Amino acid sequence: MPSVIFETFGGPDVLQVVDTRPPRLGPGEVLVQVAASGVNYFDTLLRRNAFVGEPALPCGLGVEIAGAVVAAGKGAEPWLGRRVAAPLFAIGRSGGYASEIAVPADACVELPDGFDPAEAVALMVQGLTALHAVRAAEVAGRTVMVLAAAGGVGGLLLQLARQAGATRVIAAVGQASKLDAVRQLGADAAVTYDDLPDFHDAAEVVLDLAGGTLTATGLAALQPGGLMLCGGMGRARLPAEAFEAVMGQNQTVRGFSLLPHLSGSPGEDLRHLFRLSSGGLLSTVVDLRPGLESAQAAHADLEARRTVGKIVLLP
């Protein structure tokens, strides 16, 4: 069974496709033939040993998959033949860069008829992140700026903020070539980071799901008394003088992490996102990468910010 692992930490070249034994199913488990597997930025952090906690080696990547159930353990037989999504991150599992994977049946969410598995993958980590971030920021009636708006999370933030009642949505991106893409997703205004000084004090809420130096860049666009929600997995970088400015303007900088919002099963929220997407009310931008061997290039492109939307491997 082909799968992607890394045995040493390093650049994208440490990823290798290896042949592993087919998983043995326990009671209540199903075997999913993977049609689509999501690539996330934190996969690159794990590969470089730059995430919270050092992963054991060898390590498999991929925490969201969709495909068809081709075998079932005792008690899970009713799932045979169903098309499902499996949010592995919600149950502390990984290894989704593979042709097949065993998962607990109760962690699966059935896909709507005709729903593309790649779209389902694009709505798992990133869809749930965007959904809960918009809820946490209470955007109704406010002007919202989304940083890294051309990314998988950013594009969903734009749309979900609008659906949650934001009065104006501003998309901020790194390259002018991405401006049209975010306008097509419904942004009222689109701006590159170089031009952000023209949007000083433009937003009541800034959604920063990227972190790094973008946090300070986006803070300059926040109005006095406004809220910046930061969910860059600990990568937000704010100099001391920025905190002084925040206090002087009665602004709030609040942290955001998805996992605490998933104390129960994310199944209902995923079904909600799938219904929105299948009904044409939520658009996903998917960058398809055929074959597990494309994982190296996918990681390289993601780290270099050459991507638009969600990268999905097609094993």
C-alpha atoms as a PDB file:
ATOM      1  CA  MET A   1       0.000   0.000   0.000  1.00  0.00           C
ATOM      2  CA  PRO A   2       1.699   3.252  -1.107  1.00  0.00           C
ATOM      3  CA  SER A   3       1.984   6.036   1.463  1.00  0.00           C
ATOM      4  CA  VAL A   4       4.123   9.114   2.059  1.00  0.00           C
ATOM      5  CA  ILE A   5       6.448   9.272   5.057  1.00  0.00           C
ATOM      6  CA  PHE A   6       9.605  11.061   6.155  1.00  0.00           C
ATOM      7  CA  GLU A   7      12.376   9.452   8.201  1.00  0.00           C
ATOM      8  CA  THR A   8      14.434  12.601   8.853  1.00  0.00           C
ATOM      9  CA  PHE A   9      13.473  16.238   9.323  1.00  0.00           C
ATOM     10  CA  GLY A  10      14.205  18.654   6.520  1.00  0.00           C
ATOM     11  CA  GLY A  11      12.975  20.134   3.264  1.00  0.00           C
ATOM     12  CA  PRO A  12      10.352  18.731   0.890  1.00  0.00           C
ATOM     13  CA  ASP A  13      12.891  16.275  -0.503  1.00  0.00           C
ATOM     14  CA  VAL A  14      12.727  14.179   2.691  1.00  0.00           C
ATOM     15  CA  LEU A  15       9.210  13.061   1.728  1.00  0.00           C
ATOM     16  CA  GLN A  16       9.225   9.623   0.157  1.00  0.00           C
ATOM     17  CA  VAL A  17       6.608   7.245  -1.186  1.00  0.00           C
ATOM     18  CA  VAL A  18       6.995   3.819   0.392  1.00  0.00           C
ATOM     19  CA  ASP A  19       5.062   0.579   0.228  1.00  0.00           C
ATOM     20  CA  THR A  20       3.516  -0.334   3.569  1.00  0.00           C
ATOM     21  CA  ARG A  21       1.414  -3.244   4.745  1.00  0.00           C
ATOM     22  CA  PRO A  22      -2.345  -2.928   4.273  1.00  0.00           C
ATOM     23  CA  PRO A  23      -3.945  -2.010   7.618  1.00  0.00           C
ATOM     24  CA  ARG A  24      -5.767  -4.674   9.599  1.00  0.00           C
ATOM     25  CA  LEU A  25      -9.235  -3.649  10.655  1.00  0.00           C
ATOM     26  CA  GLY A  26     -10.373  -3.810  14.237  1.00  0.00           C
ATOM     27  CA  PRO A  27     -13.980  -3.842  15.430  1.00  0.00           C
ATOM     28  CA  GLY A  28     -15.804  -0.699  14.388  1.00  0.00           C
ATOM     29  CA  GLU A  29     -13.178   0.289  11.830  1.00  0.00           C
ATOM     30  CA  VAL A  30     -13.496   0.778   8.094  1.00  0.00           C
ATOM     31  CA  LEU A  31     -10.947   0.790   5.300  1.00  0.00           C
ATOM     32  CA  VAL A  32     -11.206   3.897   3.122  1.00  0.00           C
ATOM     33  CA  GLN A  33      -9.793   3.907  -0.388  1.00  0.00           C
ATOM     34  CA  VAL A  34      -8.459   7.451  -0.467  1.00  0.00           C
ATOM     35  CA  ALA A  35      -9.663   9.563  -3.381  1.00  0.00           C
ATOM     36  CA  ALA A  36      -8.432  12.881  -1.965  1.00  0.00           C
ATOM     37  CA  SER A  37      -6.037  13.859   0.819  1.00  0.00           C
ATOM     38  CA  GLY A  38      -5.540  17.408   2.065  1.00  0.00           C
ATOM     39  CA  VAL A  39      -2.210  19.194   2.377  1.00  0.00           C
ATOM     40  CA  ASN A  40      -1.960  21.748   5.190  1.00  0.00           C
ATOM     41  CA  TYR A  41       0.718  24.240   6.170  1.00  0.00           C
ATOM     42  CA  PHE A  42       1.247  22.519   9.498  1.00  0.00           C
ATOM     43  CA  ASP A  43       2.283  19.411   7.541  1.00  0.00           C
ATOM     44  CA  THR A  44       5.324  21.406   6.423  1.00  0.00           C
ATOM     45  CA  LEU A  45       5.994  22.446  10.020  1.00  0.00           C
ATOM     46  CA  LEU A  46       5.924  18.819  11.152  1.00  0.00           C
ATOM     47  CA  ARG A  47       8.285  17.873   8.340  1.00  0.00           C
ATOM     48  CA  ARG A  48      10.739  20.567   9.470  1.00  0.00           C
ATOM     49  CA  ASN A  49      10.230  19.773  13.179  1.00  0.00           C
ATOM     50  CA  ALA A  50       8.931  23.316  13.694  1.00  0.00           C
ATOM     51  CA  PHE A  51       5.510  22.428  15.142  1.00  0.00           C
ATOM     52  CA  VAL A  52       4.503  21.999  18.772  1.00  0.00           C
ATOM     53  CA  GLY A  53       6.062  18.746  19.990  1.00  0.00           C
ATOM     54  CA  GLU A  54       8.521  16.594  18.070  1.00  0.00           C
ATOM     55  CA  PRO A  55       6.831  13.854  16.009  1.00  0.00           C
ATOM     56  CA  ALA A  56       8.148  10.307  16.214  1.00  0.00           C
ATOM     57  CA  LEU A  57      10.015   9.100  13.145  1.00  0.00           C
ATOM     58  CA  PRO A  58       9.238   7.678  10.669  1.00  0.00           C
ATOM     59  CA  CYS A  59       6.190   9.911  10.373  1.00  0.00           C
ATOM     60  CA  GLY A  60       3.238   9.876   8.007  1.00  0.00           C
ATOM     61  CA  LEU A  61       1.410  13.068   7.098  1.00  0.00           C
ATOM     62  CA  GLY A  62      -2.151  13.978   6.196  1.00  0.00           C
ATOM     63  CA  VAL A  63      -5.015  14.547   8.630  1.00  0.00           C
ATOM     64  CA  GLU A  64      -8.039  14.784   6.303  1.00  0.00           C
ATOM     65  CA  ILE A  65      -9.171  12.342   3.651  1.00  0.00           C
ATOM     66  CA  ALA A  66     -12.208  11.449   1.581  1.00  0.00           C
ATOM     67  CA  GLY A  67     -12.992   8.338  -0.420  1.00  0.00           C
ATOM     68  CA  ALA A  68     -14.998   5.124  -0.515  1.00  0.00           C
ATOM     69  CA  VAL A  69     -15.301   2.480   2.205  1.00  0.00           C
ATOM     70  CA  VAL A  70     -14.017  -0.777   0.667  1.00  0.00           C
ATOM     71  CA  ALA A  71     -13.857  -3.008   3.760  1.00  0.00           C
ATOM     72  CA  ALA A  72     -15.362  -3.005   7.243  1.00  0.00           C
ATOM     73  CA  GLY A  73     -14.556  -4.523  10.595  1.00  0.00           C
ATOM     74  CA  LYS A  74     -17.052  -6.145  12.904  1.00  0.00           C
ATOM     75  CA  GLY A  75     -19.985  -3.850  13.588  1.00  0.00           C
ATOM     76  CA  ALA A  76     -19.104  -1.396  10.812  1.00  0.00           C
ATOM     77  CA  GLU A  77     -20.558  -3.403   7.915  1.00  0.00           C
ATOM     78  CA  PRO A  78     -23.324  -0.839   7.139  1.00  0.00           C
ATOM     79  CA  TRP A  79     -20.605   1.575   5.970  1.00  0.00           C
ATOM     80  CA  LEU A  80     -19.478  -0.658   3.101  1.00  0.00           C
ATOM     81  CA  GLY A  81     -19.686   1.162  -0.225  1.00  0.00           C
ATOM     82  CA  ARG A  82     -20.404   4.567   1.248  1.00  0.00           C
ATOM     83  CA  ARG A  83     -18.484   7.670   0.183  1.00  0.00           C
ATOM     84  CA  VAL A  84     -17.129   9.364   3.282  1.00  0.00           C
ATOM     85  CA  ALA A  85     -14.949  12.119   4.656  1.00  0.00           C
ATOM     86  CA  ALA A  86     -12.732  11.388   7.646  1.00  0.00           C
ATOM     87  CA  PRO A  87     -11.366  14.316   9.690  1.00  0.00           C
ATOM     88  CA  LEU A  88      -8.403  12.439  11.159  1.00  0.00           C
ATOM     89  CA  PHE A  89      -7.217  15.522  13.080  1.00  0.00           C
ATOM     90  CA  ALA A  90     -10.347  15.375  15.233  1.00  0.00           C
ATOM     91  CA  ILE A  91      -9.325  11.960  16.579  1.00  0.00           C
ATOM     92  CA  GLY A  92      -5.579  12.640  16.841  1.00  0.00           C
ATOM     93  CA  ARG A  93      -4.665  10.561  13.786  1.00  0.00           C
ATOM     94  CA  SER A  94      -2.566  11.177  10.678  1.00  0.00           C
ATOM     95  CA  GLY A  95      -1.271   9.178   7.712  1.00  0.00           C
ATOM     96  CA  GLY A  96      -3.754  10.404   5.114  1.00  0.00           C
ATOM     97  CA  TYR A  97      -1.134  10.742   2.357  1.00  0.00           C
ATOM     98  CA  ALA A  98      -1.856   7.131   1.375  1.00  0.00           C
ATOM     99  CA  SER A  99      -3.868   5.019  -1.019  1.00  0.00           C
ATOM    100  CA  GLU A 100      -5.851   3.414   1.825  1.00  0.00           C
ATOM    101  CA  ILE A 101      -6.315   4.078   5.514  1.00  0.00           C
ATOM    102  CA  ALA A 102      -8.186   2.440   8.384  1.00  0.00           C
ATOM    103  CA  VAL A 103     -10.351   4.764  10.483  1.00  0.00           C
ATOM    104  CA  PRO A 104     -13.065   4.333  13.118  1.00  0.00           C
ATOM    105  CA  ALA A 105     -16.446   4.294  11.413  1.00  0.00           C
ATOM    106  CA  ASP A 106     -17.865   6.737  13.942  1.00  0.00           C
ATOM    107  CA  ALA A 107     -15.281   9.310  12.797  1.00  0.00           C
ATOM    108  CA  CYS A 108     -16.641   9.247   9.229  1.00  0.00           C
ATOM    109  CA  VAL A 109     -19.118  11.674   7.697  1.00  0.00           C
ATOM    110  CA  GLU A 110     -21.048  10.523   4.648  1.00  0.00           C
ATOM    111  CA  LEU A 111     -20.705  12.725   1.567  1.00  0.00           C
ATOM    112  CA  PRO A 112     -23.771  14.128  -0.222  1.00  0.00           C
ATOM    113  CA  ASP A 113     -24.621  12.399  -3.502  1.00  0.00           C
ATOM    114  CA  GLY A 114     -22.321  13.577  -6.277  1.00  0.00           C
ATOM    115  CA  PHE A 115     -20.175  15.678  -3.937  1.00  0.00           C
ATOM    116  CA  ASP A 116     -16.530  15.852  -5.038  1.00  0.00           C
ATOM    117  CA  PRO A 117     -14.148  14.264  -2.460  1.00  0.00           C
ATOM    118  CA  ALA A 118     -11.597  17.009  -3.186  1.00  0.00           C
ATOM    119  CA  GLU A 119     -14.140  19.648  -2.184  1.00  0.00           C
ATOM    120  CA  ALA A 120     -14.903  17.698   0.982  1.00  0.00           C
ATOM    121  CA  VAL A 121     -11.216  17.686   1.880  1.00  0.00           C
ATOM    122  CA  ALA A 122     -11.023  21.447   1.300  1.00  0.00           C
ATOM    123  CA  LEU A 123     -13.789  21.918   3.874  1.00  0.00           C
ATOM    124  CA  MET A 124     -12.301  19.877   6.709  1.00  0.00           C
ATOM    125  CA  VAL A 125      -9.380  21.531   8.509  1.00  0.00           C
ATOM    126  CA  GLN A 126      -9.731  24.757   6.590  1.00  0.00           C
ATOM    127  CA  GLY A 127     -13.511  24.850   6.456  1.00  0.00           C
ATOM    128  CA  LEU A 128     -13.918  24.152  10.143  1.00  0.00           C
ATOM    129  CA  THR A 129     -11.173  26.668  10.964  1.00  0.00           C
ATOM    130  CA  ALA A 130     -12.917  29.378   8.954  1.00  0.00           C
ATOM    131  CA  LEU A 131     -16.351  28.528  10.358  1.00  0.00           C
ATOM    132  CA  HIS A 132     -15.263  28.681  13.996  1.00  0.00           C
ATOM    133  CA  ALA A 133     -13.032  31.726  13.479  1.00  0.00           C
ATOM    134  CA  VAL A 134     -15.928  33.706  12.001  1.00  0.00           C
ATOM    135  CA  ARG A 135     -18.143  32.624  14.876  1.00  0.00           C
ATOM    136  CA  ALA A 136     -15.485  33.588  17.454  1.00  0.00           C
ATOM    137  CA  ALA A 137     -14.933  37.030  15.891  1.00  0.00           C
ATOM    138  CA  GLU A 138     -18.659  37.934  15.870  1.00  0.00           C
ATOM    139  CA  VAL A 139     -18.375  39.701  12.519  1.00  0.00           C
ATOM    140  CA  ALA A 140     -22.048  40.628  11.998  1.00  0.00           C
ATOM    141  CA  GLY A 141     -22.469  44.318  11.188  1.00  0.00           C
ATOM    142  CA  ARG A 142     -18.708  44.937  10.982  1.00  0.00           C
ATOM    143  CA  THR A 143     -16.094  45.654   8.345  1.00  0.00           C
ATOM    144  CA  VAL A 144     -13.775  42.652   8.171  1.00  0.00           C
ATOM    145  CA  MET A 145     -10.304  42.276   6.667  1.00  0.00           C
ATOM    146  CA  VAL A 146      -9.010  38.794   5.839  1.00  0.00           C
ATOM    147  CA  LEU A 147      -5.245  38.284   5.601  1.00  0.00           C
ATOM    148  CA  ALA A 148      -3.845  35.613   3.244  1.00  0.00           C
ATOM    149  CA  ALA A 149      -7.249  35.759   1.600  1.00  0.00           C
ATOM    150  CA  ALA A 150      -6.250  33.712  -1.454  1.00  0.00           C
ATOM    151  CA  GLY A 151      -5.378  30.676   0.639  1.00  0.00           C
ATOM    152  CA  GLY A 152      -7.659  27.790   1.449  1.00  0.00           C
ATOM    153  CA  VAL A 153      -8.728  29.212   4.808  1.00  0.00           C
ATOM    154  CA  GLY A 154      -8.751  32.808   3.594  1.00  0.00           C
ATOM    155  CA  GLY A 155     -11.126  32.186   0.711  1.00  0.00           C
ATOM    156  CA  LEU A 156     -13.579  30.455   3.019  1.00  0.00           C
ATOM    157  CA  LEU A 157     -13.264  33.216   5.618  1.00  0.00           C
ATOM    158  CA  LEU A 158     -14.295  35.752   2.983  1.00  0.00           C
ATOM    159  CA  GLN A 159     -17.465  33.876   2.135  1.00  0.00           C
ATOM    160  CA  LEU A 160     -18.438  32.801   5.637  1.00  0.00           C
ATOM    161  CA  ALA A 161     -17.885  36.302   7.031  1.00  0.00           C
ATOM    162  CA  ARG A 162     -20.275  37.626   4.411  1.00  0.00           C
ATOM    163  CA  GLN A 163     -22.852  34.939   5.249  1.00  0.00           C
ATOM    164  CA  ALA A 164     -22.484  35.774   8.958  1.00  0.00           C
ATOM    165  CA  GLY A 165     -23.521  39.371   8.315  1.00  0.00           C
ATOM    166  CA  ALA A 166     -20.275  41.323   7.805  1.00  0.00           C
ATOM    167  CA  THR A 167     -21.130  44.630   6.136  1.00  0.00           C
ATOM    168  CA  ARG A 168     -17.878  44.859   4.135  1.00  0.00           C
ATOM    169  CA  VAL A 169     -15.147  42.295   3.495  1.00  0.00           C
ATOM    170  CA  ILE A 170     -11.629  43.349   2.481  1.00  0.00           C
ATOM    171  CA  ALA A 171      -9.225  40.739   1.103  1.00  0.00           C
ATOM    172  CA  ALA A 172      -5.469  41.178   1.621  1.00  0.00           C
ATOM    173  CA  VAL A 173      -3.070  39.080  -0.482  1.00  0.00           C
ATOM    174  CA  GLY A 174       0.647  38.874  -1.141  1.00  0.00           C
ATOM    175  CA  GLN A 175       0.651  39.141  -4.927  1.00  0.00           C
ATOM    176  CA  ALA A 176      -1.299  41.259  -7.413  1.00  0.00           C
ATOM    177  CA  SER A 177      -1.929  38.111  -9.479  1.00  0.00           C
ATOM    178  CA  LYS A 178      -4.262  36.893  -6.709  1.00  0.00           C
ATOM    179  CA  LEU A 179      -6.512  39.966  -6.582  1.00  0.00           C
ATOM    180  CA  ASP A 180      -9.004  38.755  -9.177  1.00  0.00           C
ATOM    181  CA  ALA A 181      -9.365  35.388  -7.439  1.00  0.00           C
ATOM    182  CA  VAL A 182     -10.452  36.934  -4.141  1.00  0.00           C
ATOM    183  CA  ARG A 183     -12.782  39.385  -5.873  1.00  0.00           C
ATOM    184  CA  GLN A 184     -14.499  36.426  -7.527  1.00  0.00           C
ATOM    185  CA  LEU A 185     -15.051  34.941  -4.068  1.00  0.00           C
ATOM    186  CA  GLY A 186     -17.007  38.040  -3.087  1.00  0.00           C
ATOM    187  CA  ALA A 187     -14.514  40.464  -1.548  1.00  0.00           C
ATOM    188  CA  ASP A 188     -15.780  44.073  -1.606  1.00  0.00           C
ATOM    189  CA  ALA A 189     -12.189  45.282  -1.898  1.00  0.00           C
ATOM    190  CA  ALA A 190      -8.890  43.548  -2.593  1.00  0.00           C
ATOM    191  CA  VAL A 191      -5.433  44.839  -1.730  1.00  0.00           C
ATOM    192  CA  THR A 192      -1.835  43.613  -1.732  1.00  0.00           C
ATOM    193  CA  TYR A 193       0.226  43.858   1.445  1.00  0.00           C
ATOM    194  CA  ASP A 194       2.376  46.535  -0.190  1.00  0.00           C
ATOM    195  CA  ASP A 195      -0.711  48.738  -0.557  1.00  0.00           C
ATOM    196  CA  LEU A 196      -2.128  48.098   2.917  1.00  0.00           C
ATOM    197  CA  PRO A 197      -1.027  51.534   4.208  1.00  0.00           C
ATOM    198  CA  ASP A 198      -3.853  52.929   2.046  1.00  0.00           C
ATOM    199  CA  PHE A 199      -6.262  50.896   4.223  1.00  0.00           C
ATOM    200  CA  HIS A 200      -5.115  52.329   7.585  1.00  0.00           C
ATOM    201  CA  ASP A 201      -7.887  51.944  10.195  1.00  0.00           C
ATOM    202  CA  ALA A 202     -10.103  50.342   7.534  1.00  0.00           C
ATOM    203  CA  ALA A 203     -11.335  47.300   9.469  1.00  0.00           C
ATOM    204  CA  GLU A 204     -13.223  46.694  12.676  1.00  0.00           C
ATOM    205  CA  VAL A 205     -12.140  43.033  12.618  1.00  0.00           C
ATOM    206  CA  VAL A 206      -8.943  41.581  11.146  1.00  0.00           C
ATOM    207  CA  LEU A 207      -8.809  37.809  10.678  1.00  0.00           C
ATOM    208  CA  ASP A 208      -5.175  36.637  10.682  1.00  0.00           C
ATOM    209  CA  LEU A 209      -4.936  32.898  10.129  1.00  0.00           C
ATOM    210  CA  ALA A 210      -1.425  33.145   8.653  1.00  0.00           C
ATOM    211  CA  GLY A 211       0.779  34.651  11.359  1.00  0.00           C
ATOM    212  CA  GLY A 212       4.407  35.648  11.007  1.00  0.00           C
ATOM    213  CA  THR A 213       5.108  39.227   9.948  1.00  0.00           C
ATOM    214  CA  LEU A 214       1.586  39.479   8.500  1.00  0.00           C
ATOM    215  CA  THR A 215       0.209  39.946  12.011  1.00  0.00           C
ATOM    216  CA  ALA A 216       1.886  43.337  12.461  1.00  0.00           C
ATOM    217  CA  THR A 217       1.041  44.261   8.855  1.00  0.00           C
ATOM    218  CA  GLY A 218      -2.649  43.573   9.404  1.00  0.00           C
ATOM    219  CA  LEU A 219      -2.734  45.320  12.758  1.00  0.00           C
ATOM    220  CA  ALA A 220      -2.075  48.622  10.997  1.00  0.00           C
ATOM    221  CA  ALA A 221      -5.431  48.238   9.235  1.00  0.00           C
ATOM    222  CA  LEU A 222      -7.361  47.752  12.501  1.00  0.00           C
ATOM    223  CA  GLN A 223      -9.548  50.559  13.781  1.00  0.00           C
ATOM    224  CA  PRO A 224      -9.306  51.815  17.384  1.00  0.00           C
ATOM    225  CA  GLY A 225     -11.345  49.480  19.570  1.00  0.00           C
ATOM    226  CA  GLY A 226     -11.187  46.752  16.922  1.00  0.00           C
ATOM    227  CA  LEU A 227     -10.470  43.030  17.188  1.00  0.00           C
ATOM    228  CA  MET A 228      -7.687  41.041  15.571  1.00  0.00           C
ATOM    229  CA  LEU A 229      -8.183  37.275  15.714  1.00  0.00           C
ATOM    230  CA  CYS A 230      -4.866  35.417  15.360  1.00  0.00           C
ATOM    231  CA  GLY A 231      -4.765  31.731  14.524  1.00  0.00           C
ATOM    232  CA  GLY A 232      -1.350  31.263  12.923  1.00  0.00           C
ATOM    233  CA  MET A 233      -0.514  28.221  15.110  1.00  0.00           C
ATOM    234  CA  GLY A 234       1.776  30.231  17.357  1.00  0.00           C
ATOM    235  CA  ARG A 235       3.535  31.987  14.478  1.00  0.00           C
ATOM    236  CA  ALA A 236       2.147  35.485  15.141  1.00  0.00           C
ATOM    237  CA  ARG A 237       4.971  38.009  15.512  1.00  0.00           C
ATOM    238  CA  LEU A 238       4.257  41.355  17.174  1.00  0.00           C
ATOM    239  CA  PRO A 239       7.044  43.698  18.323  1.00  0.00           C
ATOM    240  CA  ALA A 240       6.777  45.322  21.742  1.00  0.00           C
ATOM    241  CA  GLU A 241       5.779  48.684  20.275  1.00  0.00           C
ATOM    242  CA  ALA A 242       2.807  47.017  18.570  1.00  0.00           C
ATOM    243  CA  PHE A 243       1.442  45.912  21.960  1.00  0.00           C
ATOM    244  CA  GLU A 244       1.829  49.469  23.234  1.00  0.00           C
ATOM    245  CA  ALA A 245      -0.199  50.700  20.250  1.00  0.00           C
ATOM    246  CA  VAL A 246      -2.858  48.055  20.883  1.00  0.00           C
ATOM    247  CA  MET A 247      -3.302  49.198  24.488  1.00  0.00           C
ATOM    248  CA  GLY A 248      -3.293  52.851  23.511  1.00  0.00           C
ATOM    249  CA  GLN A 249      -6.104  52.298  21.007  1.00  0.00           C
ATOM    250  CA  ASN A 250      -8.231  49.940  23.118  1.00  0.00           C
ATOM    251  CA  GLN A 251      -7.731  47.167  20.569  1.00  0.00           C
ATOM    252  CA  THR A 252      -7.972  43.456  21.268  1.00  0.00           C
ATOM    253  CA  VAL A 253      -5.634  40.771  19.931  1.00  0.00           C
ATOM    254  CA  ARG A 254      -7.173  37.362  20.585  1.00  0.00           C
ATOM    255  CA  GLY A 255      -5.738  33.929  19.958  1.00  0.00           C
ATOM    256  CA  PHE A 256      -7.621  31.250  18.056  1.00  0.00           C
ATOM    257  CA  SER A 257      -7.070  27.505  17.815  1.00  0.00           C
ATOM    258  CA  LEU A 258      -9.429  25.062  16.133  1.00  0.00           C
ATOM    259  CA  LEU A 259      -9.011  21.963  18.283  1.00  0.00           C
ATOM    260  CA  PRO A 260     -10.577  23.405  21.490  1.00  0.00           C
ATOM    261  CA  HIS A 261     -13.704  24.042  19.417  1.00  0.00           C
ATOM    262  CA  LEU A 262     -13.892  20.343  18.523  1.00  0.00           C
ATOM    263  CA  SER A 263     -14.598  18.986  21.991  1.00  0.00           C
ATOM    264  CA  GLY A 264     -17.315  16.864  20.426  1.00  0.00           C
ATOM    265  CA  SER A 265     -17.561  15.337  16.982  1.00  0.00           C
ATOM    266  CA  PRO A 266     -17.221  17.889  14.143  1.00  0.00           C
ATOM    267  CA  GLY A 267     -19.696  15.857  12.101  1.00  0.00           C
ATOM    268  CA  GLU A 268     -22.599  18.304  12.259  1.00  0.00           C
ATOM    269  CA  ASP A 269     -20.446  21.288  11.333  1.00  0.00           C
ATOM    270  CA  LEU A 270     -18.961  19.332   8.425  1.00  0.00           C
ATOM    271  CA  ARG A 271     -22.407  18.345   7.202  1.00  0.00           C
ATOM    272  CA  HIS A 272     -23.363  22.032   7.383  1.00  0.00           C
ATOM    273  CA  LEU A 273     -20.341  23.007   5.263  1.00  0.00           C
ATOM    274  CA  PHE A 274     -20.984  20.183   2.790  1.00  0.00           C
ATOM    275  CA  ARG A 275     -24.604  21.323   2.392  1.00  0.00           C
ATOM    276  CA  LEU A 276     -23.514  24.908   1.749  1.00  0.00           C
ATOM    277  CA  SER A 277     -20.990  23.797  -0.847  1.00  0.00           C
ATOM    278  CA  SER A 278     -23.188  21.254  -2.611  1.00  0.00           C
ATOM    279  CA  GLY A 279     -25.981  23.850  -2.714  1.00  0.00           C
ATOM    280  CA  GLY A 280     -23.762  26.421  -4.402  1.00  0.00           C
ATOM    281  CA  LEU A 281     -23.614  28.706  -1.359  1.00  0.00           C
ATOM    282  CA  LEU A 282     -19.916  28.150  -0.598  1.00  0.00           C
ATOM    283  CA  SER A 283     -17.141  27.924  -3.178  1.00  0.00           C
ATOM    284  CA  THR A 284     -13.890  26.055  -2.709  1.00  0.00           C
ATOM    285  CA  VAL A 285     -10.739  26.725  -4.699  1.00  0.00           C
ATOM    286  CA  VAL A 286      -8.882  23.436  -5.109  1.00  0.00           C
ATOM    287  CA  ASP A 287      -5.365  22.860  -6.447  1.00  0.00           C
ATOM    288  CA  LEU A 288      -5.331  19.205  -7.513  1.00  0.00           C
ATOM    289  CA  ARG A 289      -2.028  17.293  -7.394  1.00  0.00           C
ATOM    290  CA  PRO A 290      -2.283  13.796  -8.970  1.00  0.00           C
ATOM    291  CA  GLY A 291      -0.269  11.019  -7.359  1.00  0.00           C
ATOM    292  CA  LEU A 292       1.391  10.702  -3.965  1.00  0.00           C
ATOM    293  CA  GLU A 293       4.737  11.505  -5.567  1.00  0.00           C
ATOM    294  CA  SER A 294       3.523  15.098  -6.013  1.00  0.00           C
ATOM    295  CA  ALA A 295       3.715  15.664  -2.229  1.00  0.00           C
ATOM    296  CA  GLN A 296       7.241  17.100  -2.482  1.00  0.00           C
ATOM    297  CA  ALA A 297       6.247  19.765  -5.005  1.00  0.00           C
ATOM    298  CA  ALA A 298       3.061  20.506  -3.060  1.00  0.00           C
ATOM    299  CA  HIS A 299       5.061  21.251   0.094  1.00  0.00           C
ATOM    300  CA  ALA A 300       7.569  23.380  -1.807  1.00  0.00           C
ATOM    301  CA  ASP A 301       4.824  25.443  -3.451  1.00  0.00           C
ATOM    302  CA  LEU A 302       2.948  25.894  -0.174  1.00  0.00           C
ATOM    303  CA  GLU A 303       6.015  27.147   1.670  1.00  0.00           C
ATOM    304  CA  ALA A 304       6.880  29.541  -1.180  1.00  0.00           C
ATOM    305  CA  ARG A 305       3.296  30.953  -1.199  1.00  0.00           C
ATOM    306  CA  ARG A 306       2.861  29.982  -4.835  1.00  0.00           C
ATOM    307  CA  THR A 307      -0.554  28.410  -4.238  1.00  0.00           C
ATOM    308  CA  VAL A 308      -4.145  29.598  -4.482  1.00  0.00           C
ATOM    309  CA  GLY A 309      -6.755  27.678  -2.527  1.00  0.00           C
ATOM    310  CA  LYS A 310      -6.444  24.214  -1.060  1.00  0.00           C
ATOM    311  CA  ILE A 311      -3.807  21.735  -2.225  1.00  0.00           C
ATOM    312  CA  VAL A 312      -5.306  18.258  -2.547  1.00  0.00           C
ATOM    313  CA  LEU A 313      -3.359  15.105  -3.335  1.00  0.00           C
ATOM    314  CA  LEU A 314      -5.131  12.532  -5.497  1.00  0.00           C
ATOM    315  CA  PRO A 315      -3.562   9.208  -4.494  1.00  0.00           C
END
